[in-house]
C-alpha atoms as a PDB file:
ATOM      1  CA  UNK A   1       0.000   0.000   0.000  1.00  0.00           C
ATOM      2  CA  UNK A   2       1.443   3.365  -1.026  1.00  0.00           C
ATOM      3  CA  UNK A   3       1.243   6.472   1.126  1.00  0.00           C
ATOM      4  CA  UNK A   4      -1.362   7.865  -1.268  1.00  0.00           C
ATOM      5  CA  UNK A   5      -3.479   4.727  -0.905  1.00  0.00           C
ATOM      6  CA  UNK A   6      -3.130   4.797   2.863  1.00  0.00           C
ATOM      7  CA  UNK A   7      -4.067   8.482   3.016  1.00  0.00           C
ATOM      8  CA  UNK A   8      -7.159   7.813   0.922  1.00  0.00           C
ATOM      9  CA  UNK A   9      -8.240   4.845   3.061  1.00  0.00           C
ATOM     10  CA  UNK A  10      -7.822   6.775   6.313  1.00  0.00           C
ATOM     11  CA  UNK A  11      -9.689   9.740   4.819  1.00  0.00           C
ATOM     12  CA  UNK A  12     -12.682   7.580   3.956  1.00  0.00           C
ATOM     13  CA  UNK A  13     -12.743   6.126   7.459  1.00  0.00           C
ATOM     14  CA  UNK A  14     -12.372   9.498   9.201  1.00  0.00           C
ATOM     15  CA  UNK A  15     -15.369  10.888   7.336  1.00  0.00           C
ATOM     16  CA  UNK A  16     -17.599   8.208   8.873  1.00  0.00           C
ATOM     17  CA  UNK A  17     -18.991   9.382  12.199  1.00  0.00           C
ATOM     18  CA  UNK A  18     -18.609   6.784  14.962  1.00  0.00           C
ATOM     19  CA  UNK A  19     -19.053   8.142  18.481  1.00  0.00           C
ATOM     20  CA  UNK A  20     -19.012   5.391  21.094  1.00  0.00           C
ATOM     21  CA  UNK A  21     -22.155   3.303  20.842  1.00  0.00           C
ATOM     22  CA  UNK A  22     -23.415   4.917  17.620  1.00  0.00           C
ATOM     23  CA  UNK A  23     -21.063   3.260  15.158  1.00  0.00           C
ATOM     24  CA  UNK A  24     -23.355   2.251  12.291  1.00  0.00           C
ATOM     25  CA  UNK A  25     -21.787   4.598   9.766  1.00  0.00           C
ATOM     26  CA  UNK A  26     -18.272   3.228  10.208  1.00  0.00           C
ATOM     27  CA  UNK A  27     -19.694  -0.318  10.339  1.00  0.00           C
ATOM     28  CA  UNK A  28     -21.148   0.117   6.851  1.00  0.00           C
ATOM     29  CA  UNK A  29     -17.842   1.460   5.507  1.00  0.00           C
ATOM     30  CA  UNK A  30     -15.794  -1.335   7.069  1.00  0.00           C
ATOM     31  CA  UNK A  31     -18.234  -4.023   5.937  1.00  0.00           C
ATOM     32  CA  UNK A  32     -18.011  -2.813   2.338  1.00  0.00           C
ATOM     33  CA  UNK A  33     -14.207  -2.766   2.535  1.00  0.00           C
ATOM     34  CA  UNK A  34     -14.046  -6.288   3.998  1.00  0.00           C
ATOM     35  CA  UNK A  35     -16.396  -7.586   1.317  1.00  0.00           C
ATOM     36  CA  UNK A  36     -14.102  -6.049  -1.301  1.00  0.00           C
ATOM     37  CA  UNK A  37     -11.189  -7.897   0.341  1.00  0.00           C
ATOM     38  CA  UNK A  38     -13.058 -11.185  -0.078  1.00  0.00           C
ATOM     39  CA  UNK A  39     -12.634 -12.217   3.554  1.00  0.00           C
ATOM     40  CA  UNK A  40     -15.288 -13.737   5.788  1.00  0.00           C
ATOM     41  CA  UNK A  41     -16.456 -11.437   8.549  1.00  0.00           C
ATOM     42  CA  UNK A  42     -19.165 -11.186  11.160  1.00  0.00           C
ATOM     43  CA  UNK A  43     -20.495  -8.753  13.740  1.00  0.00           C
ATOM     44  CA  UNK A  44     -21.128  -9.865  17.305  1.00  0.00           C
ATOM     45  CA  UNK A  45     -23.727  -8.715  19.805  1.00  0.00           C
ATOM     46  CA  UNK A  46     -21.393  -6.041  21.212  1.00  0.00           C
ATOM     47  CA  UNK A  47     -20.903  -4.454  17.789  1.00  0.00           C
ATOM     48  CA  UNK A  48     -17.389  -5.758  17.104  1.00  0.00           C
ATOM     49  CA  UNK A  49     -16.593  -6.505  13.457  1.00  0.00           C
ATOM     50  CA  UNK A  50     -14.519  -9.688  13.312  1.00  0.00           C
ATOM     51  CA  UNK A  51     -12.391 -11.339  10.635  1.00  0.00           C
ATOM     52  CA  UNK A  52     -10.846 -14.753  11.280  1.00  0.00           C
ATOM     53  CA  UNK A  53      -7.802 -15.768   9.252  1.00  0.00           C
ATOM     54  CA  UNK A  54      -7.116 -19.455   9.737  1.00  0.00           C
ATOM     55  CA  UNK A  55      -3.617 -20.470  10.735  1.00  0.00           C
ATOM     56  CA  UNK A  56      -1.590 -23.429   9.571  1.00  0.00           C
ATOM     57  CA  UNK A  57      -1.087 -24.817  13.095  1.00  0.00           C
ATOM     58  CA  UNK A  58      -3.347 -25.581  16.045  1.00  0.00           C
ATOM     59  CA  UNK A  59      -3.473 -23.300  19.060  1.00  0.00           C
ATOM     60  CA  UNK A  60      -1.773 -19.980  19.821  1.00  0.00           C
ATOM     61  CA  UNK A  61      -4.548 -17.764  18.467  1.00  0.00           C
ATOM     62  CA  UNK A  62      -3.884 -14.020  18.339  1.00  0.00           C
ATOM     63  CA  UNK A  63      -6.407 -11.180  18.299  1.00  0.00           C
ATOM     64  CA  UNK A  64      -5.429  -7.810  16.836  1.00  0.00           C
ATOM     65  CA  UNK A  65      -7.795  -4.975  17.714  1.00  0.00           C
ATOM     66  CA  UNK A  66      -8.281  -1.467  16.372  1.00  0.00           C
ATOM     67  CA  UNK A  67     -11.193   0.371  17.929  1.00  0.00           C
ATOM     68  CA  UNK A  68     -13.745   1.937  15.627  1.00  0.00           C
ATOM     69  CA  UNK A  69     -15.310   4.486  17.965  1.00  0.00           C
ATOM     70  CA  UNK A  70     -14.192   8.091  18.260  1.00  0.00           C
ATOM     71  CA  UNK A  71     -14.389  10.571  21.115  1.00  0.00           C
ATOM     72  CA  UNK A  72     -17.059  13.244  21.189  1.00  0.00           C
ATOM     73  CA  UNK A  73     -19.826  14.360  23.497  1.00  0.00           C
ATOM     74  CA  UNK A  74     -23.289  13.297  24.605  1.00  0.00           C
ATOM     75  CA  UNK A  75     -26.346  15.479  25.055  1.00  0.00           C
ATOM     76  CA  UNK A  76     -27.280  15.945  28.709  1.00  0.00           C
ATOM     77  CA  UNK A  77     -30.082  18.465  28.455  1.00  0.00           C
ATOM     78  CA  UNK A  78     -31.825  20.936  26.147  1.00  0.00           C
ATOM     79  CA  UNK A  79     -32.667  24.352  27.585  1.00  0.00           C
ATOM     80  CA  UNK A  80     -35.985  26.103  27.017  1.00  0.00           C
ATOM     81  CA  UNK A  81     -34.281  28.438  24.519  1.00  0.00           C
ATOM     82  CA  UNK A  82     -32.890  25.502  22.479  1.00  0.00           C
ATOM     83  CA  UNK A  83     -29.338  25.579  23.806  1.00  0.00           C
ATOM     84  CA  UNK A  84     -28.029  21.996  23.826  1.00  0.00           C
ATOM     85  CA  UNK A  85     -25.916  21.067  26.840  1.00  0.00           C
ATOM     86  CA  UNK A  86     -23.369  18.322  26.277  1.00  0.00           C
ATOM     87  CA  UNK A  87     -20.827  16.383  28.329  1.00  0.00           C
ATOM     88  CA  UNK A  88     -17.728  14.536  27.231  1.00  0.00           C
ATOM     89  CA  UNK A  89     -17.789  11.056  25.710  1.00  0.00           C
ATOM     90  CA  UNK A  90     -14.315   9.603  26.085  1.00  0.00           C
ATOM     91  CA  UNK A  91     -11.345  11.925  26.507  1.00  0.00           C
ATOM     92  CA  UNK A  92     -12.803  14.961  24.731  1.00  0.00           C
ATOM     93  CA  UNK A  93     -12.190  18.585  25.740  1.00  0.00           C
ATOM     94  CA  UNK A  94     -14.233  21.529  24.400  1.00  0.00           C
ATOM     95  CA  UNK A  95     -11.217  23.776  23.883  1.00  0.00           C
ATOM     96  CA  UNK A  96      -9.715  21.160  21.537  1.00  0.00           C
ATOM     97  CA  UNK A  97     -12.686  21.461  19.179  1.00  0.00           C
ATOM     98  CA  UNK A  98     -12.983  25.215  19.512  1.00  0.00           C
ATOM     99  CA  UNK A  99     -16.027  27.125  18.377  1.00  0.00           C
ATOM    100  CA  UNK A 100     -17.275  25.606  15.168  1.00  0.00           C
ATOM    101  CA  UNK A 101     -19.705  23.232  13.563  1.00  0.00           C
ATOM    102  CA  UNK A 102     -20.517  19.943  15.259  1.00  0.00           C
ATOM    103  CA  UNK A 103     -22.963  17.234  14.214  1.00  0.00           C
ATOM    104  CA  UNK A 104     -25.657  15.862  16.505  1.00  0.00           C
ATOM    105  CA  UNK A 105     -26.644  12.337  15.457  1.00  0.00           C
ATOM    106  CA  UNK A 106     -30.371  12.487  16.078  1.00  0.00           C
ATOM    107  CA  UNK A 107     -32.646   9.472  15.822  1.00  0.00           C
ATOM    108  CA  UNK A 108     -34.253  10.789  12.611  1.00  0.00           C
ATOM    109  CA  UNK A 109     -31.866  13.463  11.388  1.00  0.00           C
ATOM    110  CA  UNK A 110     -28.274  14.611  11.784  1.00  0.00           C
ATOM    111  CA  UNK A 111     -28.490  18.181  13.037  1.00  0.00           C
ATOM    112  CA  UNK A 112     -25.554  20.549  12.672  1.00  0.00           C
ATOM    113  CA  UNK A 113     -24.962  23.235  15.260  1.00  0.00           C
ATOM    114  CA  UNK A 114     -22.174  25.441  16.553  1.00  0.00           C
ATOM    115  CA  UNK A 115     -20.216  24.544  19.663  1.00  0.00           C
ATOM    116  CA  UNK A 116     -20.398  27.905  21.411  1.00  0.00           C
ATOM    117  CA  UNK A 117     -18.465  29.564  24.226  1.00  0.00           C
ATOM    118  CA  UNK A 118     -20.259  32.919  24.366  1.00  0.00           C
ATOM    119  CA  UNK A 119     -19.153  36.401  23.332  1.00  0.00           C
ATOM    120  CA  UNK A 120     -15.700  37.794  24.088  1.00  0.00           C
ATOM    121  CA  UNK A 121     -16.781  41.418  24.458  1.00  0.00           C
ATOM    122  CA  UNK A 122     -17.945  41.004  28.042  1.00  0.00           C
ATOM    123  CA  UNK A 123     -17.076  42.079  31.548  1.00  0.00           C
ATOM    124  CA  UNK A 124     -16.983  40.277  34.872  1.00  0.00           C
ATOM    125  CA  UNK A 125     -20.778  40.377  34.842  1.00  0.00           C
ATOM    126  CA  UNK A 126     -20.819  37.559  32.236  1.00  0.00           C
ATOM    127  CA  UNK A 127     -19.768  34.003  33.153  1.00  0.00           C
ATOM    128  CA  UNK A 128     -17.628  33.760  29.986  1.00  0.00           C
ATOM    129  CA  UNK A 129     -15.184  36.302  31.449  1.00  0.00           C
ATOM    130  CA  UNK A 130     -13.781  33.663  33.803  1.00  0.00           C
ATOM    131  CA  UNK A 131     -12.888  31.418  30.853  1.00  0.00           C
ATOM    132  CA  UNK A 132     -11.004  34.280  29.224  1.00  0.00           C
ATOM    133  CA  UNK A 133      -8.936  35.224  32.240  1.00  0.00           C
ATOM    134  CA  UNK A 134      -8.980  32.647  35.003  1.00  0.00           C
ATOM    135  CA  UNK A 135     -10.365  29.136  34.480  1.00  0.00           C
ATOM    136  CA  UNK A 136     -10.001  26.249  32.048  1.00  0.00           C
ATOM    137  CA  UNK A 137     -12.893  25.844  29.657  1.00  0.00           C
ATOM    138  CA  UNK A 138     -15.155  22.980  30.715  1.00  0.00           C
ATOM    139  CA  UNK A 139     -18.123  21.245  29.112  1.00  0.00           C
ATOM    140  CA  UNK A 140     -20.377  22.777  31.753  1.00  0.00           C
ATOM    141  CA  UNK A 141     -19.547  26.242  30.381  1.00  0.00           C
ATOM    142  CA  UNK A 142     -20.326  25.558  26.701  1.00  0.00           C
ATOM    143  CA  UNK A 143     -23.344  24.665  24.602  1.00  0.00           C
ATOM    144  CA  UNK A 144     -24.380  23.758  21.070  1.00  0.00           C
ATOM    145  CA  UNK A 145     -26.494  26.292  19.205  1.00  0.00           C
ATOM    146  CA  UNK A 146     -28.436  24.712  16.341  1.00  0.00           C
ATOM    147  CA  UNK A 147     -30.897  27.613  15.995  1.00  0.00           C
ATOM    148  CA  UNK A 148     -33.787  25.211  16.537  1.00  0.00           C
ATOM    149  CA  UNK A 149     -36.428  25.137  19.215  1.00  0.00           C
ATOM    150  CA  UNK A 150     -36.731  22.229  21.663  1.00  0.00           C
ATOM    151  CA  UNK A 151     -39.751  21.043  19.664  1.00  0.00           C
ATOM    152  CA  UNK A 152     -37.804  21.086  16.387  1.00  0.00           C
ATOM    153  CA  UNK A 153     -34.895  19.268  18.010  1.00  0.00           C
ATOM    154  CA  UNK A 154     -37.248  16.623  19.374  1.00  0.00           C
ATOM    155  CA  UNK A 155     -38.737  16.154  15.906  1.00  0.00           C
ATOM    156  CA  UNK A 156     -35.206  15.429  14.608  1.00  0.00           C
ATOM    157  CA  UNK A 157     -34.631  12.957  17.430  1.00  0.00           C
ATOM    158  CA  UNK A 158     -32.096  15.081  19.308  1.00  0.00           C
ATOM    159  CA  UNK A 159     -32.527  14.209  23.003  1.00  0.00           C
ATOM    160  CA  UNK A 160     -30.537  13.385  26.126  1.00  0.00           C
ATOM    161  CA  UNK A 161     -28.199  10.608  25.010  1.00  0.00           C
ATOM    162  CA  UNK A 162     -27.734  11.904  21.462  1.00  0.00           C
ATOM    163  CA  UNK A 163     -24.079  11.803  20.424  1.00  0.00           C
ATOM    164  CA  UNK A 164     -22.127  14.841  19.227  1.00  0.00           C
ATOM    165  CA  UNK A 165     -19.023  14.765  17.015  1.00  0.00           C
ATOM    166  CA  UNK A 166     -17.024  17.288  14.998  1.00  0.00           C
ATOM    167  CA  UNK A 167     -18.913  18.366  11.881  1.00  0.00           C
ATOM    168  CA  UNK A 168     -18.007  16.497   8.721  1.00  0.00           C
ATOM    169  CA  UNK A 169     -16.851  19.567   6.846  1.00  0.00           C
ATOM    170  CA  UNK A 170     -14.199  20.047   9.574  1.00  0.00           C
ATOM    171  CA  UNK A 171     -13.080  16.398   9.603  1.00  0.00           C
ATOM    172  CA  UNK A 172     -11.630  16.062   6.110  1.00  0.00           C
ATOM    173  CA  UNK A 173      -7.976  14.999   6.556  1.00  0.00           C
ATOM    174  CA  UNK A 174      -5.161  17.275   5.412  1.00  0.00           C
ATOM    175  CA  UNK A 175      -1.894  16.113   3.842  1.00  0.00           C
ATOM    176  CA  UNK A 176       1.335  17.577   5.218  1.00  0.00           C
ATOM    177  CA  UNK A 177       3.924  15.928   2.976  1.00  0.00           C
ATOM    178  CA  UNK A 178       4.529  12.494   4.522  1.00  0.00           C
ATOM    179  CA  UNK A 179       2.057  13.236   7.317  1.00  0.00           C
ATOM    180  CA  UNK A 180      -1.697  13.058   7.680  1.00  0.00           C
ATOM    181  CA  UNK A 181      -3.502  15.570   9.903  1.00  0.00           C
ATOM    182  CA  UNK A 182      -7.084  15.127  11.039  1.00  0.00           C
ATOM    183  CA  UNK A 183      -9.534  14.720  13.833  1.00  0.00           C
ATOM    184  CA  UNK A 184     -10.253  11.066  14.702  1.00  0.00           C
ATOM    185  CA  UNK A 185      -6.994   9.494  13.546  1.00  0.00           C
ATOM    186  CA  UNK A 186      -7.590   7.811  16.884  1.00  0.00           C
ATOM    187  CA  UNK A 187      -8.442   5.267  15.827  1.00  0.00           C
ATOM    188  CA  UNK A 188      -9.394   5.437  12.143  1.00  0.00           C
ATOM    189  CA  UNK A 189      -5.737   5.191  11.097  1.00  0.00           C
ATOM    190  CA  UNK A 190      -5.435   1.912  13.009  1.00  0.00           C
ATOM    191  CA  UNK A 191      -8.559   0.636  11.257  1.00  0.00           C
ATOM    192  CA  UNK A 192      -6.737   1.270   7.974  1.00  0.00           C
ATOM    193  CA  UNK A 193      -3.951  -1.016   9.235  1.00  0.00           C
ATOM    194  CA  UNK A 194      -6.541  -3.649  10.120  1.00  0.00           C
ATOM    195  CA  UNK A 195      -7.925  -3.458   6.571  1.00  0.00           C
ATOM    196  CA  UNK A 196      -4.384  -3.745   5.206  1.00  0.00           C
ATOM    197  CA  UNK A 197      -3.936  -6.967   7.173  1.00  0.00           C
ATOM    198  CA  UNK A 198      -7.311  -8.274   5.983  1.00  0.00           C
ATOM    199  CA  UNK A 199      -6.069  -7.848   2.391  1.00  0.00           C
ATOM    200  CA  UNK A 200      -2.550  -9.227   2.777  1.00  0.00           C
ATOM    201  CA  UNK A 201      -2.318 -11.571   5.791  1.00  0.00           C
ATOM    202  CA  UNK A 202      -2.426 -15.160   4.587  1.00  0.00           C
ATOM    203  CA  UNK A 203      -1.253 -18.457   6.082  1.00  0.00           C
ATOM    204  CA  UNK A 204      -0.291 -17.201   9.577  1.00  0.00           C
ATOM    205  CA  UNK A 205       1.242 -19.598  12.079  1.00  0.00           C
ATOM    206  CA  UNK A 206      -1.943 -19.803  14.144  1.00  0.00           C
ATOM    207  CA  UNK A 207      -5.426 -18.351  13.876  1.00  0.00           C
ATOM    208  CA  UNK A 208      -5.572 -14.558  13.752  1.00  0.00           C
ATOM    209  CA  UNK A 209      -8.669 -12.570  14.656  1.00  0.00           C
ATOM    210  CA  UNK A 210      -8.821  -9.034  13.293  1.00  0.00           C
ATOM    211  CA  UNK A 211     -11.308  -7.139  15.444  1.00  0.00           C
ATOM    212  CA  UNK A 212     -12.636  -3.636  14.809  1.00  0.00           C
ATOM    213  CA  UNK A 213     -13.644  -3.190  18.421  1.00  0.00           C
ATOM    214  CA  UNK A 214     -16.637  -1.223  19.664  1.00  0.00           C
ATOM    215  CA  UNK A 215     -16.870   1.337  22.460  1.00  0.00           C
ATOM    216  CA  UNK A 216     -13.182   1.329  23.394  1.00  0.00           C
ATOM    217  CA  UNK A 217     -13.181   4.999  24.394  1.00  0.00           C
ATOM    218  CA  UNK A 218     -15.705   4.315  27.163  1.00  0.00           C
ATOM    219  CA  UNK A 219     -14.029   1.274  28.740  1.00  0.00           C
ATOM    220  CA  UNK A 220     -12.928  -1.161  26.011  1.00  0.00           C
ATOM    221  CA  UNK A 221     -16.415  -2.664  26.130  1.00  0.00           C
ATOM    222  CA  UNK A 222     -16.205  -4.417  22.766  1.00  0.00           C
ATOM    223  CA  UNK A 223     -12.819  -5.995  23.413  1.00  0.00           C
ATOM    224  CA  UNK A 224     -13.899  -7.152  26.864  1.00  0.00           C
ATOM    225  CA  UNK A 225     -16.987  -8.812  25.388  1.00  0.00           C
ATOM    226  CA  UNK A 226     -14.980 -10.535  22.653  1.00  0.00           C
ATOM    227  CA  UNK A 227     -12.182 -11.825  24.893  1.00  0.00           C
ATOM    228  CA  UNK A 228     -14.651 -13.076  27.485  1.00  0.00           C
ATOM    229  CA  UNK A 229     -16.244 -15.347  24.878  1.00  0.00           C
ATOM    230  CA  UNK A 230     -13.392 -16.208  22.493  1.00  0.00           C
ATOM    231  CA  UNK A 231     -10.475 -18.083  24.001  1.00  0.00           C
ATOM    232  CA  UNK A 232      -7.278 -16.323  22.982  1.00  0.00           C
ATOM    233  CA  UNK A 233      -4.049 -16.028  24.908  1.00  0.00           C
ATOM    234  CA  UNK A 234      -2.662 -13.025  23.044  1.00  0.00           C
ATOM    235  CA  UNK A 235      -4.117  -9.610  22.224  1.00  0.00           C
ATOM    236  CA  UNK A 236      -2.310  -6.824  20.363  1.00  0.00           C
ATOM    237  CA  UNK A 237      -3.999  -3.432  20.339  1.00  0.00           C
ATOM    238  CA  UNK A 238      -3.305  -1.042  17.465  1.00  0.00           C
ATOM    239  CA  UNK A 239      -3.295   2.534  18.704  1.00  0.00           C
ATOM    240  CA  UNK A 240      -2.031   6.054  18.444  1.00  0.00           C
ATOM    241  CA  UNK A 241       0.861   6.897  20.783  1.00  0.00           C
ATOM    242  CA  UNK A 242       1.119  10.404  22.222  1.00  0.00           C
ATOM    243  CA  UNK A 243       4.166  12.527  21.486  1.00  0.00           C
ATOM    244  CA  UNK A 244       5.130  14.561  24.525  1.00  0.00           C
ATOM    245  CA  UNK A 245       8.354  15.761  26.177  1.00  0.00           C
ATOM    246  CA  UNK A 246       7.695  13.309  29.021  1.00  0.00           C
ATOM    247  CA  UNK A 247       7.991  10.307  26.688  1.00  0.00           C
ATOM    248  CA  UNK A 248      11.179   9.343  24.760  1.00  0.00           C
ATOM    249  CA  UNK A 249       9.355   9.114  21.426  1.00  0.00           C
ATOM    250  CA  UNK A 250      11.567  10.908  18.931  1.00  0.00           C
ATOM    251  CA  UNK A 251      11.210   9.330  15.484  1.00  0.00           C
ATOM    252  CA  UNK A 252       7.917   9.988  13.734  1.00  0.00           C
ATOM    253  CA  UNK A 253       8.490   7.087  11.315  1.00  0.00           C
ATOM    254  CA  UNK A 254       9.161   4.391  13.932  1.00  0.00           C
ATOM    255  CA  UNK A 255       6.269   2.488  15.569  1.00  0.00           C
ATOM    256  CA  UNK A 256       5.977   2.551  19.360  1.00  0.00           C
ATOM    257  CA  UNK A 257       5.720  -0.488  21.615  1.00  0.00           C
ATOM    258  CA  UNK A 258       4.238   0.232  25.039  1.00  0.00           C
ATOM    259  CA  UNK A 259       5.510  -1.488  28.203  1.00  0.00           C
ATOM    260  CA  UNK A 260       3.080   0.096  30.685  1.00  0.00           C
ATOM    261  CA  UNK A 261       0.147   2.482  30.643  1.00  0.00           C
ATOM    262  CA  UNK A 262      -2.437   3.858  33.052  1.00  0.00           C
ATOM    263  CA  UNK A 263      -4.146   0.458  33.355  1.00  0.00           C
ATOM    264  CA  UNK A 264      -1.112  -1.736  33.978  1.00  0.00           C
ATOM    265  CA  UNK A 265       1.782  -3.674  32.505  1.00  0.00           C
ATOM    266  CA  UNK A 266       1.961  -5.261  29.088  1.00  0.00           C
ATOM    267  CA  UNK A 267       3.699  -8.583  28.427  1.00  0.00           C
ATOM    268  CA  UNK A 268       7.452  -8.174  28.121  1.00  0.00           C
ATOM    269  CA  UNK A 269       7.750 -11.619  26.524  1.00  0.00           C
ATOM    270  CA  UNK A 270       5.268 -10.654  23.826  1.00  0.00           C
ATOM    271  CA  UNK A 271       6.969  -7.298  23.343  1.00  0.00           C
ATOM    272  CA  UNK A 272      10.238  -9.135  22.904  1.00  0.00           C
ATOM    273  CA  UNK A 273       8.774 -11.290  20.137  1.00  0.00           C
ATOM    274  CA  UNK A 274       7.334  -8.240  18.427  1.00  0.00           C
ATOM    275  CA  UNK A 275      10.727  -6.506  18.580  1.00  0.00           C
ATOM    276  CA  UNK A 276      12.358  -9.616  17.090  1.00  0.00           C
ATOM    277  CA  UNK A 277       9.830  -9.584  14.238  1.00  0.00           C
ATOM    278  CA  UNK A 278      10.522  -5.896  13.686  1.00  0.00           C
ATOM    279  CA  UNK A 279      14.277  -6.463  13.594  1.00  0.00           C
ATOM    280  CA  UNK A 280      13.849  -9.301  11.091  1.00  0.00           C
ATOM    281  CA  UNK A 281      12.232  -6.954   8.557  1.00  0.00           C
ATOM    282  CA  UNK A 282      14.290  -3.859   9.420  1.00  0.00           C
ATOM    283  CA  UNK A 283      11.540  -1.848  11.118  1.00  0.00           C
ATOM    284  CA  UNK A 284      12.750   0.339  14.016  1.00  0.00           C
ATOM    285  CA  UNK A 285      10.638   0.248  17.181  1.00  0.00           C
ATOM    286  CA  UNK A 286      10.501   2.746  20.046  1.00  0.00           C
ATOM    287  CA  UNK A 287       9.739   1.511  23.586  1.00  0.00           C
ATOM    288  CA  UNK A 288       7.595   3.716  25.787  1.00  0.00           C
ATOM    289  CA  UNK A 289       5.920   3.908  29.176  1.00  0.00           C
ATOM    290  CA  UNK A 290       2.718   5.978  29.057  1.00  0.00           C
ATOM    291  CA  UNK A 291       0.621   7.433  31.864  1.00  0.00           C
ATOM    292  CA  UNK A 292      -2.723   8.954  30.822  1.00  0.00           C
ATOM    293  CA  UNK A 293      -3.437   6.166  28.356  1.00  0.00           C
ATOM    294  CA  UNK A 294      -5.130   2.795  28.019  1.00  0.00           C
ATOM    295  CA  UNK A 295      -6.003   0.320  25.295  1.00  0.00           C
ATOM    296  CA  UNK A 296      -8.031  -2.786  24.543  1.00  0.00           C
ATOM    297  CA  UNK A 297      -4.873  -4.720  25.430  1.00  0.00           C
ATOM    298  CA  UNK A 298      -4.112  -3.346  28.881  1.00  0.00           C
ATOM    299  CA  UNK A 299      -7.765  -3.363  29.956  1.00  0.00           C
ATOM    300  CA  UNK A 300      -8.385  -6.945  28.780  1.00  0.00           C
ATOM    301  CA  UNK A 301      -5.154  -8.174  30.339  1.00  0.00           C
ATOM    302  CA  UNK A 302      -5.891  -6.454  33.664  1.00  0.00           C
ATOM    303  CA  UNK A 303      -9.305  -8.140  33.716  1.00  0.00           C
ATOM    304  CA  UNK A 304      -7.692 -11.542  33.168  1.00  0.00           C
ATOM    305  CA  UNK A 305      -9.329 -12.072  29.774  1.00  0.00           C
ATOM    306  CA  UNK A 306      -5.997 -12.654  28.012  1.00  0.00           C
ATOM    307  CA  UNK A 307      -2.695 -14.016  29.269  1.00  0.00           C
ATOM    308  CA  UNK A 308      -0.538 -11.541  27.379  1.00  0.00           C
ATOM    309  CA  UNK A 309      -1.161  -8.245  25.652  1.00  0.00           C
ATOM    310  CA  UNK A 310       0.780  -5.637  23.732  1.00  0.00           C
ATOM    311  CA  UNK A 311       0.060  -2.186  22.389  1.00  0.00           C
ATOM    312  CA  UNK A 312       1.631  -1.192  19.085  1.00  0.00           C
ATOM    313  CA  UNK A 313       1.132   2.343  17.851  1.00  0.00           C
ATOM    314  CA  UNK A 314       2.364   5.194  15.729  1.00  0.00           C
ATOM    315  CA  UNK A 315       3.688   8.495  17.161  1.00  0.00           C
ATOM    316  CA  UNK A 316       0.983  11.162  17.073  1.00  0.00           C
ATOM    317  CA  UNK A 317       0.958  14.881  17.811  1.00  0.00           C
ATOM    318  CA  UNK A 318      -2.095  16.461  19.459  1.00  0.00           C
ATOM    319  CA  UNK A 319      -3.696  13.175  20.546  1.00  0.00           C
ATOM    320  CA  UNK A 320      -7.455  13.429  21.123  1.00  0.00           C
ATOM    321  CA  UNK A 321      -7.346  16.668  19.144  1.00  0.00           C
ATOM    322  CA  UNK A 322      -6.401  17.611  15.595  1.00  0.00           C
ATOM    323  CA  UNK A 323      -3.918  14.772  15.320  1.00  0.00           C
ATOM    324  CA  UNK A 324      -0.835  14.508  13.104  1.00  0.00           C
ATOM    325  CA  UNK A 325       0.920  11.226  12.269  1.00  0.00           C
ATOM    326  CA  UNK A 326       3.529   9.995   9.789  1.00  0.00           C
ATOM    327  CA  UNK A 327       2.044   7.739   7.123  1.00  0.00           C
ATOM    328  CA  UNK A 328       5.089   5.473   7.082  1.00  0.00           C
ATOM    329  CA  UNK A 329       4.808   4.768  10.807  1.00  0.00           C
ATOM    330  CA  UNK A 330       1.172   3.749  10.318  1.00  0.00           C
ATOM    331  CA  UNK A 331       2.069   1.462   7.408  1.00  0.00           C
ATOM    332  CA  UNK A 332       5.016  -0.055   9.319  1.00  0.00           C
ATOM    333  CA  UNK A 333       2.653  -1.160  12.086  1.00  0.00           C
ATOM    334  CA  UNK A 334       0.898  -3.362   9.543  1.00  0.00           C
ATOM    335  CA  UNK A 335       4.142  -4.712   8.124  1.00  0.00           C
ATOM    336  CA  UNK A 336       5.420  -5.585  11.597  1.00  0.00           C
ATOM    337  CA  UNK A 337       2.201  -7.366  12.570  1.00  0.00           C
ATOM    338  CA  UNK A 338       2.165  -9.385   9.364  1.00  0.00           C
ATOM    339  CA  UNK A 339       5.760 -10.465   9.970  1.00  0.00           C
ATOM    340  CA  UNK A 340       4.909 -11.382  13.567  1.00  0.00           C
ATOM    341  CA  UNK A 341       1.842 -13.430  12.669  1.00  0.00           C
ATOM    342  CA  UNK A 342       3.616 -15.382   9.948  1.00  0.00           C
ATOM    343  CA  UNK A 343       7.012 -15.886  11.593  1.00  0.00           C
ATOM    344  CA  UNK A 344       8.552 -18.350  14.019  1.00  0.00           C
ATOM    345  CA  UNK A 345       8.975 -15.615  16.682  1.00  0.00           C
ATOM    346  CA  UNK A 346       5.197 -15.637  17.017  1.00  0.00           C
ATOM    347  CA  UNK A 347       5.380 -18.361  19.699  1.00  0.00           C
END
């Protein structure tokens, strides 16, 4: 897959809204792509999309996950004047989105509105003054203005529980040379890697399950459901990895292998086998210990659903915001996983 092909695939995935629990749009896109790949797939009761690639040996099944939900917000209340009050869904912050168009995924209609912070030309008599001078902007201080009455919003199916995401006209990815910049690279770029593996991974050592997991941003719900019912010893989560001065992640083109995150330790033995697979094909890997982070892998391993887990990702600027990642690092994640699944270091 060329960088142009990868950029195009990620772009198509990003443009599909998929806030946690309302993932039908991305499901349709992924289903069409998997059908084009000619691979068998199914969807389970938790919403996970699953591909099984049969291995040439018994035992030692591996599941590779990439979550298909994105962060956003959820409607809490609608004021008498039509202002829509929202709260975070996953690790979303209002100041990351800024004032601008957002989409509310109503039951009968997608309603666009403006995430609003209030006027700047105010004094201490207005509550917005504190956000200008003193306090961090919180969800409690903002609202969505769709210029519709509560009755009109109800007719569109906008209600408490309705999901909010960045408006589609703001989501279109931007190309910065070898980089892609966009909202929702977490985790649409990893889904592109999963599709790459669905097209190219053949004759692995043991069975491989490729899982586009549901509702990861709100507790890895899809991965927990899958690993509770499907016996697998090994789970590898595909993820973004945050670039920050506190982490020794320096090369944008080199994938990152996580040893520990906010939920616990990963398997050092599994990480060692992944590093051996990377070395065998000449792919550099960066080790990292992360703090404010979690994945399908660490959560499932902490719950005792899998014996060993790893998290493989690509370095990303502005995580959970307008993210920037190197296309080669994304592609190398797929190459490394294919080498791991088909090689002797897999066991």
